[in-house]
Amino acid sequence: MLDIAEELHRWVEQGRDFAVATVVAVTGSAPRQPGAALAVDSEGTAIGSVSGGCVEGAVYELCRQALTDGAPVLERFGYSDEDAFAVGLTCGGLIDILVTPVRGGVTPAALRAAAEGQAAALARIAEGPADLLGHALLVHPDGSYEGGLGGHPELDRTAAAEARALLDAGRTGTLTLGEEGSHCGQPLTLLIESSTPAPRMIVFGAIDFAAALARVGKFLGYHVTVCDARPVFATATRFPEADEIVVAWPHEYLGRTPTDSRTVLCVLTHDAKFDIPLLELALTLPVAYIGAMGSRRTHLDRERRLREVGVGEPALARLRSPIGLDLGARTPEETALSIGAEIVATRRGGSGASLTGAHTPIHHDTRLNPVA
C-alpha cells in the first residue's frame, strides 16, 4: 500500500472513503510483489495495480464490496487454463490479496509518513481471525509505534521489533507469529511494508548526457543530484528534472554528502582531474553502483591512473566502465537508458541479456541492494 501513499494521502486529506487491495503473498511467477496495491474510492476512482492487469477487474469489485461491507477480506487468485477469460494469472502464479476499507485509524498516519518521505514500517494482519484481519501497527525507525494489532500487548511489541529490522534493511516481507507474540497460539500472518526515503542518484558532470540521465533517474524513483565544479554549466535551467544542483569539486562534495547502500554514483565528466580523485573516494564507499563514462581507451587510462594512486583490483572490479549496457546507444537519451538499465540489472540481480530464447527467471528474487 505504501507504494501509492502519496495519492492515498491526498484522498485522506480530502476526506474520501476508500478500500485498498494489497498483495500480501506470491507463489510462483507473478508481475507484482508483496506490498503492491490498488485502491478504489467510494466514487469508483482507481489508482495503482496488483497484477499488471491480470486480475485488476476482480480486485476492483472486491474493493467496491469492501467499501459496502466495511470489513477486510483475504482473497487468492491463481491461473486457470480451463477458460481463457477466467479470472486468473496468465503467468501461472498465485497471489493473495488483502482488501481493507480505510476510514481512519493508524493507516492515514502511515500514509502521511510515506507521502512525506519519512522512514516507517506498516505491519498489518494479513491472515488470521476475522476480527483481527487488517489491524495495523505503524513502526518508526527508533522502534516506537502507533496503533495496535488488536491482540496481546506482546504481539505489538514483537511485531514492532520485527518491523524495525525489516525497515533497517529497507525491505517488505511477511512474518508468522502466534496471537500472543510468540510461536504459540493461533498463527497470524503479518505483512510488513517498509517506506524509506528515495534512494540517491548523484550524477557528476553537468553535460547533456547528465540532463537525460536525471530524467531517467527521476523516472526510476531516485532523488537526483547533479554536481559539477563549473557554475556556468551546473544550473537549474539546464537540469530542470534534478532535485538538487551542486556547484563543487566532485570528490569534495562526495566526501561530505550522505550515501548508503542504495546510492548510485554516475561519473560522466570523463576528465582525469575530476574522475581520479572522485573515483578513488567512491570506490571506498559501500554504495550500490559506481559507473564512469568514457571510451575504452579512456577506461584503460583511468584504470592505470587509479592503480597509480593505490586503488586495488577488488575495488576496481566494482567500477562499471564504460558505463551502461550495450544497447548501441548514441544519443544522450539512449545512453541514459543504457545506464538506467544497468543500474536496474545491478540492483535486481539481472544479467542484462535478452529474455528472448533465454531460460532464466523474468523476475529475480535476489536483490543485491533492496529498495522499498
Protein backbone atom coordinates (compact mmCIF):
# COMPACT_ATOMS: atom_id res chain seq x y z
CA MET A 1 0.00 0.00 0.00
CA LEU A 2 2.83 2.40 0.73
CA ASP A 3 3.82 2.34 -2.95
CA ILE A 4 0.82 4.60 -3.68
CA ALA A 5 1.00 6.52 -0.39
CA GLU A 6 1.24 9.99 -1.91
CA GLU A 7 -2.02 9.63 -3.86
CA LEU A 8 -3.79 7.91 -0.95
CA HIS A 9 -2.67 10.61 1.47
CA ARG A 10 -4.39 13.17 -0.75
CA TRP A 11 -7.56 11.07 -0.58
CA VAL A 12 -7.32 11.06 3.23
CA GLU A 13 -6.90 14.84 3.30
CA GLN A 14 -9.95 15.18 1.03
CA GLY A 15 -11.99 13.02 3.40
CA ARG A 16 -12.61 10.24 0.89
CA ASP A 17 -13.54 6.72 1.92
CA PHE A 18 -11.61 4.07 0.01
CA ALA A 19 -10.55 0.45 0.03
CA VAL A 20 -7.00 -0.76 -0.56
CA ALA A 21 -6.14 -4.13 -2.08
CA THR A 22 -2.58 -5.17 -1.23
CA VAL A 23 -0.54 -8.13 -2.46
CA VAL A 24 0.43 -10.00 0.71
CA ALA A 25 1.92 -13.20 -0.74
CA VAL A 26 3.15 -14.50 -4.08
CA THR A 27 3.72 -18.10 -5.18
CA GLY A 28 5.42 -18.83 -8.50
CA SER A 29 5.59 -16.18 -11.21
CA ALA A 30 3.58 -13.00 -10.72
CA PRO A 31 4.01 -9.48 -12.12
CA ARG A 32 3.81 -7.63 -8.77
CA GLN A 33 5.42 -8.39 -5.42
CA PRO A 34 4.12 -8.12 -1.82
CA GLY A 35 3.23 -4.55 -0.97
CA ALA A 36 1.90 -3.66 -4.45
CA ALA A 37 -1.53 -2.09 -4.12
CA LEU A 38 -4.67 -0.97 -5.92
CA ALA A 39 -7.11 1.45 -4.27
CA VAL A 40 -10.70 2.34 -5.13
CA ASP A 41 -12.64 5.24 -3.61
CA SER A 42 -16.37 5.47 -2.98
CA GLU A 43 -16.92 7.11 -6.38
CA GLY A 44 -15.19 4.27 -8.23
CA THR A 45 -11.89 6.04 -8.96
CA ALA A 46 -8.98 3.57 -9.03
CA ILE A 47 -5.22 4.02 -8.67
CA GLY A 48 -2.34 1.53 -8.53
CA SER A 49 -2.10 -2.08 -9.64
CA VAL A 50 -1.81 -5.54 -8.05
CA SER A 51 -1.24 -7.75 -11.09
CA GLY A 52 -0.30 -5.69 -14.11
CA GLY A 53 -3.80 -6.23 -15.48
CA CYS A 54 -4.49 -9.96 -14.98
CA VAL A 55 -6.98 -9.70 -12.10
CA GLU A 56 -7.50 -5.94 -11.77
CA GLY A 57 -11.20 -6.11 -12.64
CA ALA A 58 -11.99 -8.72 -10.00
CA VAL A 59 -9.94 -6.91 -7.36
CA TYR A 60 -11.67 -3.64 -8.24
CA GLU A 61 -15.02 -5.28 -7.48
CA LEU A 62 -13.66 -6.67 -4.19
CA CYS A 63 -12.70 -3.14 -3.19
CA ARG A 64 -16.15 -1.83 -4.03
CA GLN A 65 -17.70 -4.63 -1.97
CA ALA A 66 -15.38 -3.96 0.98
CA LEU A 67 -16.49 -0.33 0.99
CA THR A 68 -20.09 -1.51 1.23
CA ASP A 69 -19.45 -4.24 3.84
CA GLY A 70 -16.93 -2.26 5.88
CA ALA A 71 -14.89 -5.40 6.54
CA PRO A 72 -11.48 -6.64 5.30
CA VAL A 73 -11.27 -9.74 3.12
CA LEU A 74 -8.41 -12.01 2.03
CA GLU A 75 -8.71 -13.50 -1.46
CA ARG A 76 -6.46 -15.79 -3.53
CA PHE A 77 -6.10 -15.56 -7.30
CA GLY A 78 -4.40 -18.14 -9.50
CA TYR A 79 -4.01 -19.40 -13.03
CA SER A 80 -6.84 -21.17 -14.86
CA ASP A 81 -6.25 -22.90 -18.19
CA GLU A 82 -9.86 -24.07 -18.50
CA ASP A 83 -11.23 -20.73 -19.58
CA ALA A 84 -9.15 -18.11 -21.32
CA PHE A 85 -11.44 -15.45 -19.87
CA ALA A 86 -11.45 -16.78 -16.32
CA VAL A 87 -10.14 -14.58 -13.53
CA GLY A 88 -6.55 -15.68 -13.10
CA LEU A 89 -2.89 -15.01 -13.60
CA THR A 90 -1.81 -15.96 -17.10
CA CYS A 91 1.79 -16.08 -15.90
CA GLY A 92 0.96 -19.18 -13.84
CA GLY A 93 1.44 -17.83 -10.32
CA LEU A 94 -0.73 -17.37 -7.24
CA ILE A 95 -1.25 -14.15 -5.34
CA ASP A 96 -3.02 -13.47 -2.06
CA ILE A 97 -4.77 -10.09 -1.88
CA LEU A 98 -5.82 -8.36 1.34
CA VAL A 99 -8.61 -5.82 0.80
CA THR A 100 -9.08 -3.28 3.61
CA PRO A 101 -11.59 -0.41 3.82
CA VAL A 102 -9.98 2.80 5.11
CA ARG A 103 -11.95 5.30 7.14
CA GLY A 104 -9.43 6.31 9.81
CA GLY A 105 -7.19 4.70 12.43
CA VAL A 106 -3.49 4.14 12.01
CA THR A 107 -3.49 3.76 8.24
CA PRO A 108 -3.71 7.52 7.45
CA ALA A 109 -0.71 8.11 9.75
CA ALA A 110 1.26 5.52 7.79
CA LEU A 111 0.26 7.16 4.52
CA ARG A 112 1.31 10.57 5.82
CA ALA A 113 4.72 9.28 6.86
CA ALA A 114 5.31 7.59 3.49
CA ALA A 115 3.99 10.56 1.49
CA GLU A 116 6.35 12.91 3.34
CA GLY A 117 9.35 10.66 2.66
CA GLN A 118 9.78 9.58 6.28
CA ALA A 119 11.17 6.18 7.18
CA ALA A 120 8.45 3.99 8.67
CA ALA A 121 7.10 0.44 8.53
CA LEU A 122 3.47 -0.65 8.45
CA ALA A 123 2.63 -4.08 9.89
CA ARG A 124 -0.84 -5.44 9.12
CA ILE A 125 -2.51 -8.73 9.92
CA ALA A 126 -2.97 -10.35 6.52
CA GLU A 127 -4.17 -13.77 7.66
CA GLY A 128 -5.75 -14.86 10.94
CA PRO A 129 -9.01 -14.49 12.88
CA ALA A 130 -11.62 -12.42 11.04
CA ASP A 131 -11.85 -9.90 13.89
CA LEU A 132 -8.11 -9.14 13.64
CA LEU A 133 -7.76 -9.07 9.85
CA GLY A 134 -6.40 -5.75 8.63
CA HIS A 135 -5.40 -4.41 12.06
CA ALA A 136 -2.30 -2.27 11.68
CA LEU A 137 0.77 -1.03 13.53
CA LEU A 138 2.90 1.91 12.37
CA VAL A 139 6.54 1.46 13.42
CA HIS A 140 9.13 4.26 13.44
CA PRO A 141 12.91 3.85 12.99
CA ASP A 142 13.53 4.22 16.73
CA GLY A 143 11.22 1.27 17.45
CA SER A 144 8.29 3.31 18.76
CA TYR A 145 4.91 2.50 17.30
CA GLU A 146 1.33 3.71 16.89
CA GLY A 147 -1.89 1.75 16.65
CA GLY A 148 -2.25 -1.91 17.52
CA LEU A 149 -2.84 -5.35 16.09
CA GLY A 150 -5.81 -6.00 18.35
CA GLY A 151 -4.34 -8.93 20.23
CA HIS A 152 -2.00 -9.48 23.17
CA PRO A 153 0.28 -6.48 24.00
CA GLU A 154 3.29 -8.72 23.45
CA LEU A 155 2.15 -9.21 19.86
CA ASP A 156 2.53 -5.48 19.24
CA ARG A 157 5.98 -5.41 20.83
CA THR A 158 7.23 -8.42 18.87
CA ALA A 159 5.76 -7.20 15.60
CA ALA A 160 7.32 -3.76 16.14
CA ALA A 161 10.76 -5.29 16.69
CA GLU A 162 10.46 -7.42 13.55
CA ALA A 163 9.14 -4.49 11.52
CA ARG A 164 12.01 -2.30 12.68
CA ALA A 165 14.50 -4.92 11.45
CA LEU A 166 12.87 -5.01 8.00
CA LEU A 167 12.78 -1.21 7.94
CA ASP A 168 16.51 -1.06 8.70
CA ALA A 169 17.08 -3.27 5.64
CA GLY A 170 14.58 -1.31 3.53
CA ARG A 171 12.59 -4.46 2.82
CA THR A 172 8.96 -5.57 2.64
CA GLY A 173 8.01 -9.10 3.71
CA THR A 174 5.70 -11.38 5.67
CA LEU A 175 6.05 -12.82 9.15
CA THR A 176 4.16 -15.55 11.04
CA LEU A 177 3.61 -15.14 14.78
CA GLY A 178 1.26 -16.57 17.40
CA GLU A 179 -1.56 -14.43 18.77
CA GLU A 180 0.49 -13.69 21.90
CA GLY A 181 3.58 -12.57 20.02
CA SER A 182 5.41 -15.90 20.20
CA HIS A 183 5.11 -19.04 18.12
CA CYS A 184 2.38 -20.34 20.41
CA GLY A 185 -1.35 -19.99 19.87
CA GLN A 186 -3.26 -19.45 16.65
CA PRO A 187 -0.86 -18.28 13.95
CA LEU A 188 -1.14 -14.85 12.39
CA THR A 189 0.49 -13.75 9.15
CA LEU A 190 1.71 -10.16 9.13
CA LEU A 191 2.53 -8.14 6.03
CA ILE A 192 5.26 -5.64 6.87
CA GLU A 193 5.78 -2.83 4.37
CA SER A 194 8.80 -0.55 4.61
CA SER A 195 8.76 3.06 3.47
CA THR A 196 12.15 4.70 3.19
CA PRO A 197 13.26 7.99 1.62
CA ALA A 198 14.01 7.76 -2.09
CA PRO A 199 17.48 6.37 -2.87
CA ARG A 200 20.02 8.85 -4.17
CA MET A 201 21.43 9.13 -7.68
CA ILE A 202 24.39 11.50 -7.82
CA VAL A 203 25.41 12.50 -11.34
CA PHE A 204 28.83 14.10 -11.68
CA GLY A 205 29.36 16.23 -14.77
CA ALA A 206 26.87 18.87 -15.96
CA ILE A 207 26.69 17.73 -19.58
CA ASP A 208 23.81 16.93 -21.94
CA PHE A 209 24.04 13.24 -21.07
CA ALA A 210 23.53 14.21 -17.41
CA ALA A 211 20.29 16.04 -18.23
CA ALA A 212 18.92 12.91 -19.91
CA LEU A 213 20.13 10.71 -17.05
CA ALA A 214 18.44 12.98 -14.50
CA ARG A 215 15.13 12.36 -16.28
CA VAL A 216 15.70 8.59 -16.24
CA GLY A 217 16.74 8.71 -12.59
CA LYS A 218 13.55 10.51 -11.59
CA PHE A 219 11.50 8.00 -13.59
CA LEU A 220 13.17 5.16 -11.65
CA GLY A 221 12.34 6.81 -8.33
CA TYR A 222 15.70 8.31 -7.35
CA HIS A 223 16.39 11.62 -5.64
CA VAL A 224 18.72 13.08 -8.28
CA THR A 225 21.65 15.39 -7.58
CA VAL A 226 23.81 16.87 -10.35
CA CYS A 227 27.26 18.03 -9.26
CA ASP A 228 29.86 19.97 -11.27
CA ALA A 229 32.66 22.34 -10.33
CA ARG A 230 31.74 24.75 -13.16
CA PRO A 231 28.90 27.15 -12.17
CA VAL A 232 28.23 28.18 -15.75
CA PHE A 233 27.09 24.63 -16.54
CA ALA A 234 25.57 23.49 -13.24
CA THR A 235 22.30 25.44 -13.38
CA ALA A 236 18.65 24.66 -12.68
CA THR A 237 17.77 25.86 -16.15
CA ARG A 238 19.89 23.13 -17.74
CA PHE A 239 18.72 20.43 -15.30
CA PRO A 240 15.04 21.03 -14.52
CA GLU A 241 14.47 17.35 -13.63
CA ALA A 242 17.16 17.27 -10.93
CA ASP A 243 16.14 17.59 -7.28
CA GLU A 244 19.38 19.33 -6.42
CA ILE A 245 22.17 21.16 -8.26
CA VAL A 246 25.55 21.41 -6.51
CA VAL A 247 28.50 23.53 -7.62
CA ALA A 248 31.57 21.92 -6.08
CA TRP A 249 34.56 19.78 -6.93
CA PRO A 250 33.08 16.29 -7.24
CA HIS A 251 35.35 14.49 -4.77
CA GLU A 252 34.92 17.23 -2.16
CA TYR A 253 31.13 17.05 -2.44
CA LEU A 254 31.10 13.25 -2.29
CA GLY A 255 33.24 13.39 0.84
CA ARG A 256 30.69 15.46 2.74
CA THR A 257 27.32 14.25 1.44
CA PRO A 258 25.43 11.24 2.88
CA THR A 259 25.45 7.99 0.90
CA ASP A 260 24.23 4.49 1.71
CA SER A 261 23.90 1.02 0.24
CA ARG A 262 21.17 2.21 -2.16
CA THR A 263 23.07 5.19 -3.59
CA VAL A 264 24.16 5.13 -7.24
CA LEU A 265 27.06 7.25 -8.48
CA CYS A 266 27.32 8.13 -12.19
CA VAL A 267 30.55 9.82 -13.25
CA LEU A 268 30.06 11.49 -16.63
CA THR A 269 32.90 14.03 -16.56
CA HIS A 270 35.48 11.77 -18.33
CA ASP A 271 38.15 14.28 -17.28
CA ALA A 272 41.01 12.84 -15.24
CA LYS A 273 41.35 15.86 -12.96
CA PHE A 274 37.78 15.27 -11.79
CA ASP A 275 37.49 11.50 -12.27
CA ILE A 276 40.54 10.17 -10.44
CA PRO A 277 40.10 11.82 -7.01
CA LEU A 278 36.35 11.22 -7.24
CA LEU A 279 36.60 7.52 -8.11
CA GLU A 280 39.42 6.97 -5.62
CA LEU A 281 36.99 8.00 -2.90
CA ALA A 282 33.85 6.46 -4.43
CA LEU A 283 35.41 3.00 -4.63
CA THR A 284 35.86 3.00 -0.85
CA LEU A 285 32.16 3.63 -0.19
CA PRO A 286 29.55 0.87 0.29
CA VAL A 287 27.23 2.24 -2.40
CA ALA A 288 25.06 0.23 -4.80
CA TYR A 289 26.58 1.26 -8.12
CA ILE A 290 29.55 3.21 -9.46
CA GLY A 291 29.74 3.88 -13.20
CA ALA A 292 32.04 6.08 -15.25
CA MET A 293 31.59 7.34 -18.81
CA GLY A 294 34.28 7.27 -21.47
CA SER A 295 35.70 5.33 -24.38
CA ARG A 296 37.52 2.05 -23.87
CA ARG A 297 40.78 3.95 -24.30
CA THR A 298 39.68 6.40 -21.59
CA HIS A 299 38.72 3.46 -19.39
CA LEU A 300 42.17 1.86 -19.68
CA ASP A 301 43.87 5.17 -18.90
CA ARG A 302 41.51 5.70 -15.96
CA GLU A 303 42.31 2.27 -14.52
CA ARG A 304 46.05 2.95 -14.88
CA ARG A 305 45.77 6.26 -13.05
CA LEU A 306 43.65 4.71 -10.27
CA ARG A 307 46.20 1.95 -9.74
CA GLU A 308 48.92 4.60 -9.51
CA VAL A 309 47.10 6.27 -6.60
CA GLY A 310 46.77 2.94 -4.80
CA VAL A 311 43.33 1.61 -5.79
CA GLY A 312 43.46 -2.20 -5.66
CA GLU A 313 41.95 -4.76 -8.01
CA PRO A 314 38.96 -5.70 -5.77
CA ALA A 315 37.93 -2.04 -5.72
CA LEU A 316 38.45 -1.62 -9.45
CA ALA A 317 36.22 -4.64 -10.08
CA ARG A 318 33.29 -2.63 -8.66
CA LEU A 319 33.65 0.06 -11.32
CA ARG A 320 31.21 -0.12 -14.25
CA SER A 321 33.26 1.37 -17.03
CA PRO A 322 32.49 2.14 -19.77
CA ILE A 323 29.16 2.91 -18.12
CA GLY A 324 25.89 1.32 -19.24
CA LEU A 325 24.67 -1.76 -21.10
CA ASP A 326 25.45 -2.46 -24.75
CA LEU A 327 22.32 -1.08 -26.44
CA GLY A 328 24.15 0.55 -29.34
CA ALA A 329 23.17 3.90 -27.77
CA ARG A 330 24.25 7.14 -29.44
CA THR A 331 22.01 9.98 -28.29
CA PRO A 332 22.02 11.31 -24.70
CA GLU A 333 18.58 9.80 -24.16
CA GLU A 334 19.63 6.37 -25.46
CA THR A 335 22.78 6.49 -23.36
CA ALA A 336 20.79 7.45 -20.26
CA LEU A 337 18.50 4.48 -20.95
CA SER A 338 21.50 2.13 -21.14
CA ILE A 339 22.84 3.48 -17.82
CA GLY A 340 19.45 3.17 -16.15
CA ALA A 341 19.11 -0.39 -17.44
CA GLU A 342 22.50 -1.33 -15.99
CA ILE A 343 21.55 0.18 -12.63
CA VAL A 344 18.30 -1.84 -12.56
CA ALA A 345 20.14 -5.04 -13.56
CA THR A 346 22.72 -4.48 -10.81
CA ARG A 347 20.07 -3.69 -8.21
CA ARG A 348 17.82 -6.63 -9.11
CA GLY A 349 20.45 -9.24 -9.95
CA GLY A 350 19.64 -9.36 -13.67
CA SER A 351 22.10 -10.29 -16.41
CA GLY A 352 21.16 -7.61 -18.91
CA ALA A 353 20.73 -10.28 -21.59
CA SER A 354 17.72 -10.51 -23.89
CA LEU A 355 14.84 -12.55 -22.47
CA THR A 356 14.05 -13.95 -25.92
CA GLY A 357 15.31 -17.53 -26.08
CA ALA A 358 16.59 -17.42 -22.51
CA HIS A 359 15.61 -19.85 -19.75
CA THR A 360 16.28 -17.55 -16.81
CA PRO A 361 13.60 -16.14 -14.48
CA ILE A 362 11.91 -12.92 -15.62
CA HIS A 363 11.53 -11.69 -12.04
CA HIS A 364 14.64 -12.18 -9.91
CA ASP A 365 14.23 -12.94 -6.21
CA THR A 366 17.77 -11.82 -5.44
CA ARG A 367 18.09 -8.08 -4.86
CA LEU A 368 21.66 -7.02 -4.33
CA ASN A 369 20.60 -3.70 -2.84
CA PRO A 370 17.00 -3.89 -1.62
CA VAL A 371 14.82 -0.82 -2.05
CA ALA A 372 11.37 -0.35 -0.51
